[in-house]
Each structure stands twice: as structure tokens, then as C-alpha cells.
PDB file of N, CA and C in Angstrom:
ATOM      1  N   UNK A   1     167.263 105.203  77.593  1.00  0.00           N
ATOM      2  CA  UNK A   1     167.105 104.797  78.967  1.00  0.00           C
ATOM      3  C   UNK A   1     167.884 103.498  79.191  1.00  0.00           C
ATOM      4  N   UNK A   2     168.642 103.458  80.274  1.00  0.00           N
ATOM      5  CA  UNK A   2     169.345 102.250  80.674  1.00  0.00           C
ATOM      6  C   UNK A   2     168.553 101.597  81.797  1.00  0.00           C
ATOM      7  N   UNK A   3     168.252 100.310  81.639  1.00  0.00           N
ATOM      8  CA  UNK A   3     167.470  99.570  82.628  1.00  0.00           C
ATOM      9  C   UNK A   3     168.303  98.420  83.151  1.00  0.00           C
ATOM     10  N   UNK A   4     168.399  98.337  84.484  1.00  0.00           N
ATOM     11  CA  UNK A   4     169.131  97.262  85.142  1.00  0.00           C
ATOM     12  C   UNK A   4     168.189  96.554  86.102  1.00  0.00           C
ATOM     13  N   UNK A   5     168.226  95.221  86.103  1.00  0.00           N
ATOM     14  CA  UNK A   5     167.469  94.419  87.059  1.00  0.00           C
ATOM     15  C   UNK A   5     168.454  93.887  88.091  1.00  0.00           C
ATOM     16  N   UNK A   6     168.200  94.187  89.363  1.00  0.00           N
ATOM     17  CA  UNK A   6     169.093  93.810  90.454  1.00  0.00           C
ATOM     18  C   UNK A   6     168.431  92.682  91.239  1.00  0.00           C
ATOM     19  N   UNK A   7     169.076  91.500  91.329  1.00  0.00           N
ATOM     20  CA  UNK A   7     168.457  90.370  92.029  1.00  0.00           C
ATOM     21  C   UNK A   7     168.173  90.678  93.492  1.00  0.00           C
ATOM     22  N   UNK A   8     167.045  90.140  93.991  1.00  0.00           N
ATOM     23  CA  UNK A   8     166.676  90.256  95.401  1.00  0.00           C
ATOM     24  C   UNK A   8     166.474  88.835  95.923  1.00  0.00           C
ATOM     25  N   UNK A   9     167.056  88.400  97.019  1.00  0.00           N
ATOM     26  CA  UNK A   9     168.083  89.183  97.715  1.00  0.00           C
ATOM     27  C   UNK A   9     169.326  89.267  96.854  1.00  0.00           C
ATOM     28  N   UNK A  10     170.168  90.200  97.171  1.00  0.00           N
ATOM     29  CA  UNK A  10     171.388  90.427  96.392  1.00  0.00           C
ATOM     30  C   UNK A  10     172.328  89.249  96.633  1.00  0.00           C
ATOM     31  N   UNK A  11     172.131  88.204  95.854  1.00  0.00           N
ATOM     32  CA  UNK A  11     172.922  86.979  95.983  1.00  0.00           C
ATOM     33  C   UNK A  11     174.075  87.019  94.997  1.00  0.00           C
ATOM     34  N   UNK A  12     174.656  85.886  94.764  1.00  0.00           N
ATOM     35  CA  UNK A  12     175.807  85.816  93.874  1.00  0.00           C
ATOM     36  C   UNK A  12     175.459  86.167  92.432  1.00  0.00           C
ATOM     37  N   UNK A  13     174.146  86.186  92.110  1.00  0.00           N
ATOM     38  CA  UNK A  13     173.744  86.504  90.750  1.00  0.00           C
ATOM     39  C   UNK A  13     174.126  87.917  90.349  1.00  0.00           C
ATOM     40  N   UNK A  14     174.434  88.076  89.089  1.00  0.00           N
ATOM     41  CA  UNK A  14     174.832  89.382  88.578  1.00  0.00           C
ATOM     42  C   UNK A  14     173.608  90.225  88.248  1.00  0.00           C
ATOM     43  N   UNK A  15     173.816  91.516  88.231  1.00  0.00           N
ATOM     44  CA  UNK A  15     172.790  92.427  87.731  1.00  0.00           C
ATOM     45  C   UNK A  15     172.618  92.159  86.242  1.00  0.00           C
ATOM     46  N   UNK A  16     171.422  92.397  85.743  1.00  0.00           N
ATOM     47  CA  UNK A  16     171.136  92.176  84.333  1.00  0.00           C
ATOM     48  C   UNK A  16     170.745  93.500  83.695  1.00  0.00           C
ATOM     49  N   UNK A  17     171.466  93.884  82.655  1.00  0.00           N
ATOM     50  CA  UNK A  17     171.168  95.115  81.920  1.00  0.00           C
ATOM     51  C   UNK A  17     170.327  94.739  80.702  1.00  0.00           C
ATOM     52  N   UNK A  18     169.177  95.382  80.581  1.00  0.00           N
ATOM     53  CA  UNK A  18     168.283  95.144  79.449  1.00  0.00           C
ATOM     54  C   UNK A  18     168.919  95.785  78.219  1.00  0.00           C
ATOM     55  N   UNK A  19     169.278  94.954  77.247  1.00  0.00           N
ATOM     56  CA  UNK A  19     169.993  95.452  76.065  1.00  0.00           C
ATOM     57  C   UNK A  19     169.171  95.353  74.782  1.00  0.00           C
ATOM     58  N   UNK A  20     168.068  94.629  74.827  1.00  0.00           N
ATOM     59  CA  UNK A  20     167.255  94.480  73.622  1.00  0.00           C
ATOM     60  C   UNK A  20     165.805  94.792  73.947  1.00  0.00           C
ATOM     61  N   UNK A  21     165.057  95.116  72.915  1.00  0.00           N
ATOM     62  CA  UNK A  21     163.637  95.385  73.100  1.00  0.00           C
ATOM     63  C   UNK A  21     162.880  94.653  71.996  1.00  0.00           C
ATOM     64  N   UNK A  22     162.008  93.726  72.329  1.00  0.00           N
ATOM     65  CA  UNK A  22     161.702  93.314  73.697  1.00  0.00           C
ATOM     66  C   UNK A  22     162.775  92.393  74.256  1.00  0.00           C
ATOM     67  N   UNK A  23     162.817  92.298  75.576  1.00  0.00           N
ATOM     68  CA  UNK A  23     163.749  91.442  76.299  1.00  0.00           C
ATOM     69  C   UNK A  23     162.939  90.292  76.894  1.00  0.00           C
ATOM     70  N   UNK A  24     163.165  89.083  76.397  1.00  0.00           N
ATOM     71  CA  UNK A  24     162.413  87.915  76.842  1.00  0.00           C
ATOM     72  C   UNK A  24     162.989  87.393  78.161  1.00  0.00           C
ATOM     73  N   UNK A  25     162.094  87.076  79.120  1.00  0.00           N
ATOM     74  CA  UNK A  25     162.466  86.584  80.441  1.00  0.00           C
ATOM     75  C   UNK A  25     161.840  85.202  80.642  1.00  0.00           C
ATOM     76  N   UNK A  26     162.641  84.241  81.079  1.00  0.00           N
ATOM     77  CA  UNK A  26     162.100  82.910  81.362  1.00  0.00           C
ATOM     78  C   UNK A  26     163.182  81.859  81.425  1.00  0.00           C
ATOM     79  N   UNK A  27     162.761  80.583  81.430  1.00  0.00           N
ATOM     80  CA  UNK A  27     163.694  79.466  81.503  1.00  0.00           C
ATOM     81  C   UNK A  27     164.183  79.008  80.134  1.00  0.00           C
ATOM     82  N   UNK A  28     163.556  79.476  79.079  1.00  0.00           N
ATOM     83  CA  UNK A  28     163.881  79.015  77.738  1.00  0.00           C
ATOM     84  C   UNK A  28     165.292  79.379  77.305  1.00  0.00           C
ATOM     85  N   UNK A  29     165.866  78.511  76.483  1.00  0.00           N
ATOM     86  CA  UNK A  29     167.233  78.749  76.000  1.00  0.00           C
ATOM     87  C   UNK A  29     167.332  79.991  75.137  1.00  0.00           C
ATOM     88  N   UNK A  30     166.200  80.443  74.586  1.00  0.00           N
ATOM     89  CA  UNK A  30     166.200  81.612  73.715  1.00  0.00           C
ATOM     90  C   UNK A  30     165.869  82.908  74.459  1.00  0.00           C
ATOM     91  N   UNK A  31     165.755  82.857  75.791  1.00  0.00           N
ATOM     92  CA  UNK A  31     165.449  84.055  76.580  1.00  0.00           C
ATOM     93  C   UNK A  31     166.692  84.916  76.774  1.00  0.00           C
ATOM     94  N   UNK A  32     166.489  86.214  76.856  1.00  0.00           N
ATOM     95  CA  UNK A  32     167.598  87.135  77.113  1.00  0.00           C
ATOM     96  C   UNK A  32     168.016  87.065  78.577  1.00  0.00           C
ATOM     97  N   UNK A  33     167.030  87.062  79.482  1.00  0.00           N
ATOM     98  CA  UNK A  33     167.280  86.878  80.915  1.00  0.00           C
ATOM     99  C   UNK A  33     166.808  85.475  81.254  1.00  0.00           C
ATOM    100  N   UNK A  34     167.775  84.566  81.441  1.00  0.00           N
ATOM    101  CA  UNK A  34     167.464  83.167  81.705  1.00  0.00           C
ATOM    102  C   UNK A  34     167.352  82.942  83.207  1.00  0.00           C
ATOM    103  N   UNK A  35     166.198  82.394  83.624  1.00  0.00           N
ATOM    104  CA  UNK A  35     165.947  82.104  85.025  1.00  0.00           C
ATOM    105  C   UNK A  35     165.997  80.593  85.226  1.00  0.00           C
ATOM    106  N   UNK A  36     166.756  80.153  86.226  1.00  0.00           N
ATOM    107  CA  UNK A  36     166.935  78.727  86.466  1.00  0.00           C
ATOM    108  C   UNK A  36     166.012  78.214  87.561  1.00  0.00           C
ATOM    109  N   UNK A  37     164.928  78.910  87.830  1.00  0.00           N
ATOM    110  CA  UNK A  37     164.013  78.525  88.895  1.00  0.00           C
ATOM    111  C   UNK A  37     162.767  77.867  88.297  1.00  0.00           C
ATOM    112  N   UNK A  38     162.303  76.796  88.926  1.00  0.00           N
ATOM    113  CA  UNK A  38     161.167  76.039  88.425  1.00  0.00           C
ATOM    114  C   UNK A  38     159.848  76.787  88.402  1.00  0.00           C
ATOM    115  N   UNK A  39     159.742  77.893  89.133  1.00  0.00           N
ATOM    116  CA  UNK A  39     158.492  78.665  89.124  1.00  0.00           C
ATOM    117  C   UNK A  39     158.413  79.630  87.950  1.00  0.00           C
ATOM    118  N   UNK A  40     159.493  79.761  87.211  1.00  0.00           N
ATOM    119  CA  UNK A  40     159.493  80.616  86.015  1.00  0.00           C
ATOM    120  C   UNK A  40     159.097  79.774  84.807  1.00  0.00           C
ATOM    121  N   UNK A  41     158.227  80.314  83.982  1.00  0.00           N
ATOM    122  CA  UNK A  41     157.820  79.634  82.755  1.00  0.00           C
ATOM    123  C   UNK A  41     158.930  79.739  81.713  1.00  0.00           C
ATOM    124  N   UNK A  42     158.829  78.889  80.697  1.00  0.00           N
ATOM    125  CA  UNK A  42     159.833  78.923  79.630  1.00  0.00           C
ATOM    126  C   UNK A  42     159.894  80.306  78.984  1.00  0.00           C
ATOM    127  N   UNK A  43     158.750  80.864  78.676  1.00  0.00           N
ATOM    128  CA  UNK A  43     158.632  82.237  78.173  1.00  0.00           C
ATOM    129  C   UNK A  43     157.688  82.952  79.129  1.00  0.00           C
ATOM    130  N   UNK A  44     158.231  83.531  80.174  1.00  0.00           N
ATOM    131  CA  UNK A  44     157.456  84.042  81.293  1.00  0.00           C
ATOM    132  C   UNK A  44     156.912  85.449  81.036  1.00  0.00           C
ATOM    133  N   UNK A  45     157.783  86.354  80.611  1.00  0.00           N
ATOM    134  CA  UNK A  45     157.390  87.759  80.430  1.00  0.00           C
ATOM    135  C   UNK A  45     158.360  88.427  79.466  1.00  0.00           C
ATOM    136  N   UNK A  46     158.017  89.633  79.072  1.00  0.00           N
ATOM    137  CA  UNK A  46     158.956  90.416  78.274  1.00  0.00           C
ATOM    138  C   UNK A  46     158.966  91.851  78.754  1.00  0.00           C
ATOM    139  N   UNK A  47     160.155  92.442  78.675  1.00  0.00           N
ATOM    140  CA  UNK A  47     160.370  93.842  79.024  1.00  0.00           C
ATOM    141  C   UNK A  47     160.544  94.625  77.739  1.00  0.00           C
ATOM    142  N   UNK A  48     159.876  95.759  77.654  1.00  0.00           N
ATOM    143  CA  UNK A  48     159.974  96.620  76.477  1.00  0.00           C
ATOM    144  C   UNK A  48     160.426  97.995  76.950  1.00  0.00           C
ATOM    145  N   UNK A  49     161.648  98.366  76.611  1.00  0.00           N
ATOM    146  CA  UNK A  49     162.200  99.659  77.026  1.00  0.00           C
ATOM    147  C   UNK A  49     162.117 100.634  75.861  1.00  0.00           C
ATOM    148  N   UNK A  50     161.358 101.699  76.053  1.00  0.00           N
ATOM    149  CA  UNK A  50     161.278 102.783  75.084  1.00  0.00           C
ATOM    150  C   UNK A  50     162.227 103.883  75.562  1.00  0.00           C
ATOM    151  N   UNK A  51     162.237 105.008  74.856  1.00  0.00           N
ATOM    152  CA  UNK A  51     163.111 106.107  75.258  1.00  0.00           C
ATOM    153  C   UNK A  51     162.774 106.655  76.636  1.00  0.00           C
ATOM    154  N   UNK A  52     161.469 106.667  76.987  1.00  0.00           N
ATOM    155  CA  UNK A  52     161.072 107.334  78.224  1.00  0.00           C
ATOM    156  C   UNK A  52     160.284 106.460  79.196  1.00  0.00           C
ATOM    157  N   UNK A  53     160.084 105.175  78.875  1.00  0.00           N
ATOM    158  CA  UNK A  53     159.366 104.311  79.809  1.00  0.00           C
ATOM    159  C   UNK A  53     159.733 102.852  79.602  1.00  0.00           C
ATOM    160  N   UNK A  54     159.435 102.071  80.625  1.00  0.00           N
ATOM    161  CA  UNK A  54     159.692 100.638  80.613  1.00  0.00           C
ATOM    162  C   UNK A  54     158.376  99.927  80.841  1.00  0.00           C
ATOM    163  N   UNK A  55     158.042  99.012  79.953  1.00  0.00           N
ATOM    164  CA  UNK A  55     156.815  98.244  80.070  1.00  0.00           C
ATOM    165  C   UNK A  55     157.151  96.780  80.333  1.00  0.00           C
ATOM    166  N   UNK A  56     156.261  96.112  81.063  1.00  0.00           N
ATOM    167  CA  UNK A  56     156.396  94.698  81.382  1.00  0.00           C
ATOM    168  C   UNK A  56     155.128  94.000  80.920  1.00  0.00           C
ATOM    169  N   UNK A  57     155.294  92.908  80.180  1.00  0.00           N
ATOM    170  CA  UNK A  57     154.152  92.151  79.681  1.00  0.00           C
ATOM    171  C   UNK A  57     154.279  90.706  80.150  1.00  0.00           C
ATOM    172  N   UNK A  58     153.246  90.225  80.867  1.00  0.00           N
ATOM    173  CA  UNK A  58     153.198  88.820  81.259  1.00  0.00           C
ATOM    174  C   UNK A  58     152.766  88.010  80.043  1.00  0.00           C
ATOM    175  N   UNK A  59     153.403  86.873  79.831  1.00  0.00           N
ATOM    176  CA  UNK A  59     153.107  86.047  78.657  1.00  0.00           C
ATOM    177  C   UNK A  59     152.301  84.814  79.061  1.00  0.00           C
ATOM    178  N   UNK A  60     151.240  85.033  79.835  1.00  0.00           N
ATOM    179  CA  UNK A  60     150.354  83.956  80.309  1.00  0.00           C
ATOM    180  C   UNK A  60     151.139  82.914  81.101  1.00  0.00           C
ATOM    181  N   UNK A  61     152.045  83.391  81.950  1.00  0.00           N
ATOM    182  CA  UNK A  61     152.870  82.495  82.762  1.00  0.00           C
ATOM    183  C   UNK A  61     152.010  81.765  83.784  1.00  0.00           C
ATOM    184  N   UNK A  62     152.418  80.540  84.112  1.00  0.00           N
ATOM    185  CA  UNK A  62     151.657  79.721  85.049  1.00  0.00           C
ATOM    186  C   UNK A  62     151.670  80.297  86.462  1.00  0.00           C
ATOM    187  N   UNK A  63     152.830  80.718  86.945  1.00  0.00           N
ATOM    188  CA  UNK A  63     152.967  81.196  88.324  1.00  0.00           C
ATOM    189  C   UNK A  63     152.889  82.708  88.465  1.00  0.00           C
ATOM    190  N   UNK A  64     152.662  83.401  87.381  1.00  0.00           N
ATOM    191  CA  UNK A  64     152.400  84.827  87.437  1.00  0.00           C
ATOM    192  C   UNK A  64     153.623  85.718  87.448  1.00  0.00           C
ATOM    193  N   UNK A  65     153.383  86.953  87.051  1.00  0.00           N
ATOM    194  CA  UNK A  65     154.357  88.033  87.100  1.00  0.00           C
ATOM    195  C   UNK A  65     153.803  89.064  88.064  1.00  0.00           C
ATOM    196  N   UNK A  66     154.644  89.515  88.989  1.00  0.00           N
ATOM    197  CA  UNK A  66     154.209  90.411  90.055  1.00  0.00           C
ATOM    198  C   UNK A  66     155.010  91.699  90.027  1.00  0.00           C
ATOM    199  N   UNK A  67     154.338  92.811  90.286  1.00  0.00           N
ATOM    200  CA  UNK A  67     154.985  94.112  90.429  1.00  0.00           C
ATOM    201  C   UNK A  67     154.594  94.649  91.798  1.00  0.00           C
ATOM    202  N   UNK A  68     155.597  94.851  92.644  1.00  0.00           N
ATOM    203  CA  UNK A  68     155.369  95.346  94.010  1.00  0.00           C
ATOM    204  C   UNK A  68     154.328  94.505  94.754  1.00  0.00           C
ATOM    205  N   UNK A  69     154.403  93.182  94.546  1.00  0.00           N
ATOM    206  CA  UNK A  69     153.532  92.251  95.253  1.00  0.00           C
ATOM    207  C   UNK A  69     152.172  92.019  94.633  1.00  0.00           C
ATOM    208  N   UNK A  70     151.843  92.722  93.563  1.00  0.00           N
ATOM    209  CA  UNK A  70     150.541  92.581  92.901  1.00  0.00           C
ATOM    210  C   UNK A  70     150.712  91.836  91.581  1.00  0.00           C
ATOM    211  N   UNK A  71     149.908  90.787  91.406  1.00  0.00           N
ATOM    212  CA  UNK A  71     149.974  90.037  90.147  1.00  0.00           C
ATOM    213  C   UNK A  71     149.421  90.897  89.015  1.00  0.00           C
ATOM    214  N   UNK A  72     150.129  90.901  87.891  1.00  0.00           N
ATOM    215  CA  UNK A  72     149.664  91.660  86.730  1.00  0.00           C
ATOM    216  C   UNK A  72     149.071  90.707  85.705  1.00  0.00           C
ATOM    217  N   UNK A  73     148.186  91.236  84.892  1.00  0.00           N
ATOM    218  CA  UNK A  73     147.708  90.499  83.725  1.00  0.00           C
ATOM    219  C   UNK A  73     147.892  91.442  82.550  1.00  0.00           C
ATOM    220  N   UNK A  74     148.435  90.925  81.501  1.00  0.00           N
ATOM    221  CA  UNK A  74     148.694  91.786  80.357  1.00  0.00           C
ATOM    222  C   UNK A  74     149.955  92.599  80.559  1.00  0.00           C
ATOM    223  N   UNK A  75     149.835  93.913  80.405  1.00  0.00           N
ATOM    224  CA  UNK A  75     150.999  94.798  80.384  1.00  0.00           C
ATOM    225  C   UNK A  75     150.850  95.925  81.396  1.00  0.00           C
ATOM    226  N   UNK A  76     151.989  96.376  81.943  1.00  0.00           N
ATOM    227  CA  UNK A  76     151.980  97.531  82.841  1.00  0.00           C
ATOM    228  C   UNK A  76     153.271  98.323  82.631  1.00  0.00           C
ATOM    229  N   UNK A  77     153.276  99.553  83.121  1.00  0.00           N
ATOM    230  CA  UNK A  77     154.457 100.411  83.062  1.00  0.00           C
ATOM    231  C   UNK A  77     155.214 100.255  84.372  1.00  0.00           C
ATOM    232  N   UNK A  78     156.546 100.092  84.279  1.00  0.00           N
ATOM    233  CA  UNK A  78     157.394  99.973  85.462  1.00  0.00           C
ATOM    234  C   UNK A  78     158.073 101.305  85.751  1.00  0.00           C
ATOM    235  N   UNK A  79     158.354 101.524  87.021  1.00  0.00           N
ATOM    236  CA  UNK A  79     159.058 102.721  87.465  1.00  0.00           C
ATOM    237  C   UNK A  79     160.330 102.328  88.196  1.00  0.00           C
ATOM    238  N   UNK A  80     161.258 103.263  88.268  1.00  0.00           N
ATOM    239  CA  UNK A  80     162.491 103.046  89.008  1.00  0.00           C
ATOM    240  C   UNK A  80     162.161 102.650  90.444  1.00  0.00           C
ATOM    241  N   UNK A  81     162.777 101.580  90.932  1.00  0.00           N
ATOM    242  CA  UNK A  81     162.562 101.117  92.298  1.00  0.00           C
ATOM    243  C   UNK A  81     161.500 100.049  92.440  1.00  0.00           C
ATOM    244  N   UNK A  82     160.718  99.797  91.390  1.00  0.00           N
ATOM    245  CA  UNK A  82     159.715  98.736  91.471  1.00  0.00           C
ATOM    246  C   UNK A  82     160.389  97.387  91.694  1.00  0.00           C
ATOM    247  N   UNK A  83     159.673  96.480  92.354  1.00  0.00           N
ATOM    248  CA  UNK A  83     160.147  95.112  92.543  1.00  0.00           C
ATOM    249  C   UNK A  83     159.300  94.216  91.658  1.00  0.00           C
ATOM    250  N   UNK A  84     159.982  93.442  90.809  1.00  0.00           N
ATOM    251  CA  UNK A  84     159.327  92.566  89.846  1.00  0.00           C
ATOM    252  C   UNK A  84     159.677  91.129  90.199  1.00  0.00           C
ATOM    253  N   UNK A  85     158.658  90.252  90.189  1.00  0.00           N
ATOM    254  CA  UNK A  85     158.887  88.828  90.438  1.00  0.00           C
ATOM    255  C   UNK A  85     158.343  88.026  89.272  1.00  0.00           C
ATOM    256  N   UNK A  86     159.167  87.099  88.779  1.00  0.00           N
ATOM    257  CA  UNK A  86     158.792  86.180  87.709  1.00  0.00           C
ATOM    258  C   UNK A  86     158.643  84.808  88.355  1.00  0.00           C
ATOM    259  N   UNK A  87     157.438  84.496  88.868  1.00  0.00           N
ATOM    260  CA  UNK A  87     157.298  83.350  89.756  1.00  0.00           C
ATOM    261  C   UNK A  87     157.985  83.729  91.058  1.00  0.00           C
ATOM    262  N   UNK A  88     159.004  82.986  91.463  1.00  0.00           N
ATOM    263  CA  UNK A  88     159.734  83.307  92.694  1.00  0.00           C
ATOM    264  C   UNK A  88     160.913  84.278  92.482  1.00  0.00           C
ATOM    265  N   UNK A  89     161.695  84.159  91.401  1.00  0.00           N
ATOM    266  CA  UNK A  89     162.838  85.073  91.250  1.00  0.00           C
ATOM    267  C   UNK A  89     162.395  86.541  91.217  1.00  0.00           C
ATOM    268  N   UNK A  90     163.017  87.367  92.072  1.00  0.00           N
ATOM    269  CA  UNK A  90     162.642  88.777  92.193  1.00  0.00           C
ATOM    270  C   UNK A  90     163.808  89.699  91.876  1.00  0.00           C
ATOM    271  N   UNK A  91     163.475  90.872  91.348  1.00  0.00           N
ATOM    272  CA  UNK A  91     164.467  91.867  90.950  1.00  0.00           C
ATOM    273  C   UNK A  91     163.946  93.259  91.269  1.00  0.00           C
ATOM    274  N   UNK A  92     164.876  94.138  91.622  1.00  0.00           N
ATOM    275  CA  UNK A  92     164.550  95.562  91.760  1.00  0.00           C
ATOM    276  C   UNK A  92     164.908  96.230  90.432  1.00  0.00           C
ATOM    277  N   UNK A  93     164.015  97.085  89.955  1.00  0.00           N
ATOM    278  CA  UNK A  93     164.212  97.777  88.680  1.00  0.00           C
ATOM    279  C   UNK A  93     164.957  99.079  88.931  1.00  0.00           C
ATOM    280  N   UNK A  94     166.022  99.300  88.154  1.00  0.00           N
ATOM    281  CA  UNK A  94     166.746 100.565  88.219  1.00  0.00           C
ATOM    282  C   UNK A  94     166.763 101.157  86.805  1.00  0.00           C
ATOM    283  N   UNK A  95     166.145 102.320  86.664  1.00  0.00           N
ATOM    284  CA  UNK A  95     166.072 103.021  85.370  1.00  0.00           C
ATOM    285  C   UNK A  95     166.895 104.297  85.458  1.00  0.00           C
ATOM    286  N   UNK A  96     167.681 104.537  84.422  1.00  0.00           N
ATOM    287  CA  UNK A  96     168.500 105.746  84.373  1.00  0.00           C
ATOM    288  C   UNK A  96     168.439 106.313  82.969  1.00  0.00           C
ATOM    289  N   UNK A  97     168.149 107.615  82.885  1.00  0.00           N
ATOM    290  CA  UNK A  97     168.086 108.268  81.560  1.00  0.00           C
ATOM    291  C   UNK A  97     169.449 108.735  81.127  1.00  0.00           C
TER     292      UNK A  97
END
């Protein structure tokens, strides 16, 4: 499965292709998807792409991880078209088999 995160709004930022599992998201220098926004934690969340599904795990972030406007705790399964927010930065999920 190929997973792409598309920034919302579609600003100058590039799309991000998830290339590792797990894929660390946050402000930390060791994150795969580095977010430069103050509402993102250093280690905010991680994406886990399996052959047939994509999971998102919040890592006890201060400002929360949201899927389609709902704050998650722990882990959830993502679907194509879902909107994910790591604090304020938001992305649309695109999954392709």
C-alpha cells in the first residue's frame, strides 16, 4: 500500500509519502514527517502502514491528534480520504494499493 499525506490547505508544502513503518510525526529532528508548527509535539504520533491498512497512534501529544475532527486516544485505523490533524497541521490521507 502506498500512503500519501496531502497538506490542507494545499499550500507550498509538498505531499509526504509514508516510506517507513512506523513513520514518526512531530517536531523532533528524528521524525520522518517533520512539522514546524508549535502545536505539534516533538514526538506527536506515528503511522503504521501494513499491506492492507493504515493505523495512526497518538503518542500522548499535548494538543492531540484528530481524525475527521474527532480527537483520538491510542490507536485507530485510517481510511482513504480521512483528514488527520497533528495539533494544527492537517493532511488528507490518500491510500493506494
